[in-house]
Amino acid sequence: MRRVSINLLTNVILLLAGIILIVFHNVPDILLWGARVMGAMFLLPAIAYLVMVAVRHADARTSTDYMGVLPAVGGLCFGLVMILKPDKFDGILQLLMAVLLVVLGLFHIIYLFLSRNSWNVKGWYYLCPVVVALCGVLSLMLPSLRANVSTVVLITGICLLLFNFTSLQEYLAERRVRNAVTQPAVEPAPESVTTPAPISDDV
């Protein structure tokens, strides 16, 4: 159940991210806003951890609490830099999005290949993950493509939707196999048993 929940949460997050990227791909400085959002994702948990350690009584603090202070401070500083200087991360974000597409595409290609016999995977199942991986490779290899930020953001959003479509295909295929395995067999009707008539003691 935990595995299904994690997979579902991941797919929902990527689906929402894809929709947001498609809708706002023409917004000026979209990568700057993306960098600020990522900075906030580093900043807020770091602040929450440092505040939790600070308000805790000194006797209740453990060595694990003190060991977590250093990475929390690092996350706090990194988040602040991303929020205050988001222009420094434009190129990095584009590279990260390209690498993400390659990883997501290869993940589904390998997963489908390993499950081809048990799920009866069709050839067209590979179409979407191949397109996703190919878009990531092109984004990495073509500097002219990365120069058009709006196009890169739009391609990334579409590829995230294709990723979710492939995940849905895999879920339906796995569900069909699971239902076929767990379907109870029809039990034969029990044979009718006739009880012998009692023997009379009359002479």
Protein backbone atom coordinates (compact mmCIF):
# COMPACT_ATOMS: atom_id res chain seq x y z
CA MET A 1 0.00 0.00 0.00
CA ARG A 2 2.89 2.37 0.79
CA ARG A 3 4.46 1.72 -2.62
CA VAL A 4 1.19 2.48 -4.40
CA SER A 5 0.74 5.67 -2.38
CA ILE A 6 4.25 6.91 -3.17
CA ASN A 7 3.82 6.17 -6.87
CA LEU A 8 0.45 7.91 -6.90
CA LEU A 9 1.84 10.96 -5.09
CA THR A 10 4.78 11.16 -7.51
CA ASN A 11 2.51 10.96 -10.53
CA VAL A 12 0.15 13.60 -9.16
CA ILE A 13 3.03 15.99 -8.47
CA LEU A 14 4.51 15.48 -11.95
CA LEU A 15 1.06 15.88 -13.52
CA LEU A 16 0.50 19.19 -11.74
CA ALA A 17 4.01 20.34 -12.66
CA GLY A 18 3.40 19.48 -16.30
CA ILE A 19 0.11 21.38 -16.40
CA ILE A 20 1.68 24.42 -14.73
CA LEU A 21 4.61 24.43 -17.16
CA ILE A 22 2.31 24.19 -20.17
CA VAL A 23 -0.01 26.95 -18.95
CA PHE A 24 2.76 29.37 -17.96
CA HIS A 25 5.45 28.53 -20.53
CA ASN A 26 5.08 32.00 -22.12
CA VAL A 27 5.35 33.87 -18.82
CA PRO A 28 8.46 36.08 -18.81
CA ASP A 29 11.21 34.85 -16.48
CA ILE A 30 9.45 31.53 -15.89
CA LEU A 31 12.75 29.92 -14.90
CA LEU A 32 13.39 32.67 -12.39
CA TRP A 33 10.11 31.88 -10.70
CA GLY A 34 10.97 28.19 -10.83
CA ALA A 35 14.27 28.90 -9.11
CA ARG A 36 12.49 30.91 -6.42
CA VAL A 37 10.04 28.06 -5.80
CA MET A 38 12.90 25.57 -5.50
CA GLY A 39 14.67 27.98 -3.16
CA ALA A 40 11.58 28.10 -0.96
CA MET A 41 11.51 24.29 -0.93
CA PHE A 42 15.04 24.33 0.53
CA LEU A 43 14.46 27.33 2.81
CA LEU A 44 11.22 26.46 4.61
CA PRO A 45 12.14 22.94 5.86
CA ALA A 46 15.55 24.24 7.00
CA ILE A 47 13.94 27.07 8.99
CA ALA A 48 11.40 24.68 10.52
CA TYR A 49 14.15 22.28 11.62
CA LEU A 50 16.34 25.02 13.11
CA VAL A 51 13.40 26.50 15.01
CA MET A 52 12.45 23.02 16.31
CA VAL A 53 15.97 22.45 17.61
CA ALA A 54 16.18 25.97 19.08
CA VAL A 55 12.93 25.75 21.08
CA ARG A 56 13.67 22.27 22.38
CA HIS A 57 15.11 22.15 25.88
CA ALA A 58 18.87 21.66 26.01
CA ASP A 59 18.52 18.43 27.98
CA ALA A 60 16.16 17.00 25.36
CA ARG A 61 18.47 17.64 22.42
CA THR A 62 20.29 14.61 21.06
CA SER A 63 23.44 14.21 18.99
CA THR A 64 21.24 13.59 15.96
CA ASP A 65 19.65 17.02 16.40
CA TYR A 66 23.06 18.70 16.42
CA MET A 67 24.22 16.68 13.40
CA GLY A 68 21.21 17.95 11.43
CA VAL A 69 22.00 21.61 12.14
CA LEU A 70 24.83 21.81 9.58
CA PRO A 71 22.82 20.51 6.59
CA ALA A 72 19.88 22.66 7.69
CA VAL A 73 22.08 25.77 7.68
CA GLY A 74 23.41 24.73 4.26
CA GLY A 75 19.88 24.33 2.92
CA LEU A 76 18.93 27.69 4.41
CA CYS A 77 21.83 29.47 2.68
CA PHE A 78 21.25 27.68 -0.62
CA GLY A 79 17.54 28.53 -0.53
CA LEU A 80 18.27 32.16 0.17
CA VAL A 81 20.69 32.36 -2.75
CA MET A 82 18.13 30.78 -5.10
CA ILE A 83 15.46 33.24 -3.98
CA LEU A 84 17.65 36.36 -4.03
CA LYS A 85 19.76 35.48 -7.09
CA PRO A 86 17.53 33.23 -9.23
CA ASP A 87 19.23 34.37 -12.45
CA LYS A 88 22.32 32.38 -11.44
CA PHE A 89 20.38 29.12 -11.83
CA ASP A 90 18.75 29.57 -15.26
CA GLY A 91 21.12 27.26 -17.09
CA ILE A 92 21.20 24.77 -14.24
CA LEU A 93 17.39 24.47 -14.21
CA GLN A 94 17.29 23.81 -17.94
CA LEU A 95 19.92 21.10 -17.60
CA LEU A 96 18.06 19.58 -14.65
CA MET A 97 14.81 19.47 -16.64
CA ALA A 98 16.59 17.79 -19.56
CA VAL A 99 18.21 15.20 -17.29
CA LEU A 100 14.84 14.61 -15.61
CA LEU A 101 13.22 13.82 -18.96
CA VAL A 102 15.99 11.38 -19.88
CA VAL A 103 15.70 9.61 -16.52
CA LEU A 104 11.89 9.40 -16.62
CA GLY A 105 11.88 8.12 -20.19
CA LEU A 106 14.55 5.47 -19.56
CA PHE A 107 12.79 4.39 -16.37
CA HIS A 108 9.59 3.55 -18.24
CA ILE A 109 11.45 1.93 -21.15
CA ILE A 110 13.34 -0.40 -18.82
CA TYR A 111 10.26 -1.06 -16.67
CA LEU A 112 8.15 -1.98 -19.69
CA PHE A 113 10.91 -4.16 -21.12
CA LEU A 114 11.25 -6.13 -17.88
CA SER A 115 7.45 -6.55 -17.67
CA ARG A 116 6.86 -7.38 -21.35
CA ASN A 117 6.12 -11.07 -20.77
CA SER A 118 4.05 -10.88 -17.60
CA TRP A 119 1.94 -7.94 -18.78
CA ASN A 120 1.76 -8.73 -22.50
CA VAL A 121 3.18 -5.26 -23.25
CA LYS A 122 2.30 -3.90 -26.70
CA GLY A 123 4.88 -2.21 -28.88
CA TRP A 124 3.12 1.15 -28.85
CA TYR A 125 3.48 1.30 -25.06
CA TYR A 126 7.10 2.35 -25.67
CA LEU A 127 6.14 5.37 -27.79
CA CYS A 128 5.61 7.93 -25.02
CA PRO A 129 8.70 7.05 -22.93
CA VAL A 130 10.88 7.06 -26.05
CA VAL A 131 9.58 10.53 -26.95
CA VAL A 132 10.24 11.75 -23.38
CA ALA A 133 13.81 10.42 -23.34
CA LEU A 134 14.48 11.78 -26.85
CA CYS A 135 13.29 15.27 -25.86
CA GLY A 136 15.63 15.19 -22.88
CA VAL A 137 18.57 14.15 -25.05
CA LEU A 138 17.83 16.90 -27.58
CA SER A 139 17.63 19.49 -24.80
CA LEU A 140 21.05 18.38 -23.57
CA MET A 141 22.71 18.27 -26.99
CA LEU A 142 21.22 21.35 -28.69
CA PRO A 143 22.27 24.69 -27.17
CA SER A 144 20.03 26.43 -29.70
CA LEU A 145 17.02 24.67 -28.19
CA ARG A 146 17.99 25.68 -24.66
CA ALA A 147 18.29 29.27 -25.86
CA ASN A 148 14.51 29.31 -26.34
CA VAL A 149 13.38 29.04 -22.71
CA SER A 150 9.67 29.07 -23.54
CA THR A 151 10.04 26.08 -25.89
CA VAL A 152 12.06 24.12 -23.35
CA VAL A 153 9.46 24.73 -20.63
CA LEU A 154 6.61 23.76 -22.97
CA ILE A 155 8.36 20.56 -24.08
CA THR A 156 9.06 19.64 -20.46
CA GLY A 157 5.41 20.15 -19.50
CA ILE A 158 4.16 18.00 -22.40
CA CYS A 159 6.68 15.27 -21.56
CA LEU A 160 5.51 15.18 -17.94
CA LEU A 161 1.97 14.57 -19.19
CA LEU A 162 3.27 11.77 -21.44
CA PHE A 163 5.02 10.30 -18.41
CA ASN A 164 1.72 10.18 -16.53
CA PHE A 165 -0.02 8.63 -19.54
CA THR A 166 2.56 5.83 -19.58
CA SER A 167 2.14 5.33 -15.84
CA LEU A 168 -1.61 4.94 -16.40
CA GLN A 169 -0.98 2.36 -19.13
CA GLU A 170 1.28 0.38 -16.80
CA TYR A 171 -1.25 0.54 -13.98
CA LEU A 172 -4.08 -0.74 -16.18
CA ALA A 173 -1.91 -3.54 -17.60
CA GLU A 174 -0.80 -4.62 -14.13
CA ARG A 175 -4.38 -4.48 -12.87
CA ARG A 176 -5.61 -6.73 -15.69
CA VAL A 177 -2.97 -9.32 -14.86
CA ARG A 178 -3.72 -9.11 -11.13
CA ASN A 179 -7.44 -9.55 -11.69
CA ALA A 180 -6.84 -12.54 -13.95
CA VAL A 181 -4.67 -14.21 -11.31
CA THR A 182 -6.93 -13.52 -8.33
CA GLN A 183 -10.19 -14.38 -10.07
CA PRO A 184 -11.66 -17.33 -8.14
CA ALA A 185 -12.19 -20.55 -10.05
CA VAL A 186 -15.74 -21.82 -10.40
CA GLU A 187 -16.24 -24.72 -8.01
CA PRO A 188 -18.27 -27.69 -9.24
CA ALA A 189 -21.67 -28.14 -7.69
CA PRO A 190 -21.68 -30.77 -4.94
CA GLU A 191 -23.19 -34.11 -5.91
CA SER A 192 -26.52 -34.91 -4.33
CA VAL A 193 -26.29 -37.65 -1.77
CA THR A 194 -29.33 -39.87 -1.28
CA THR A 195 -29.83 -41.32 2.15
CA PRO A 196 -31.00 -44.95 2.22
CA ALA A 197 -34.45 -45.61 3.52
CA PRO A 198 -34.55 -47.04 7.01
CA ILE A 199 -35.01 -50.82 7.24
CA SER A 200 -38.32 -51.79 8.78
CA ASP A 201 -38.34 -54.22 11.73
CA ASP A 202 -41.90 -55.42 10.96
CA VAL A 203 -42.21 -59.13 10.08
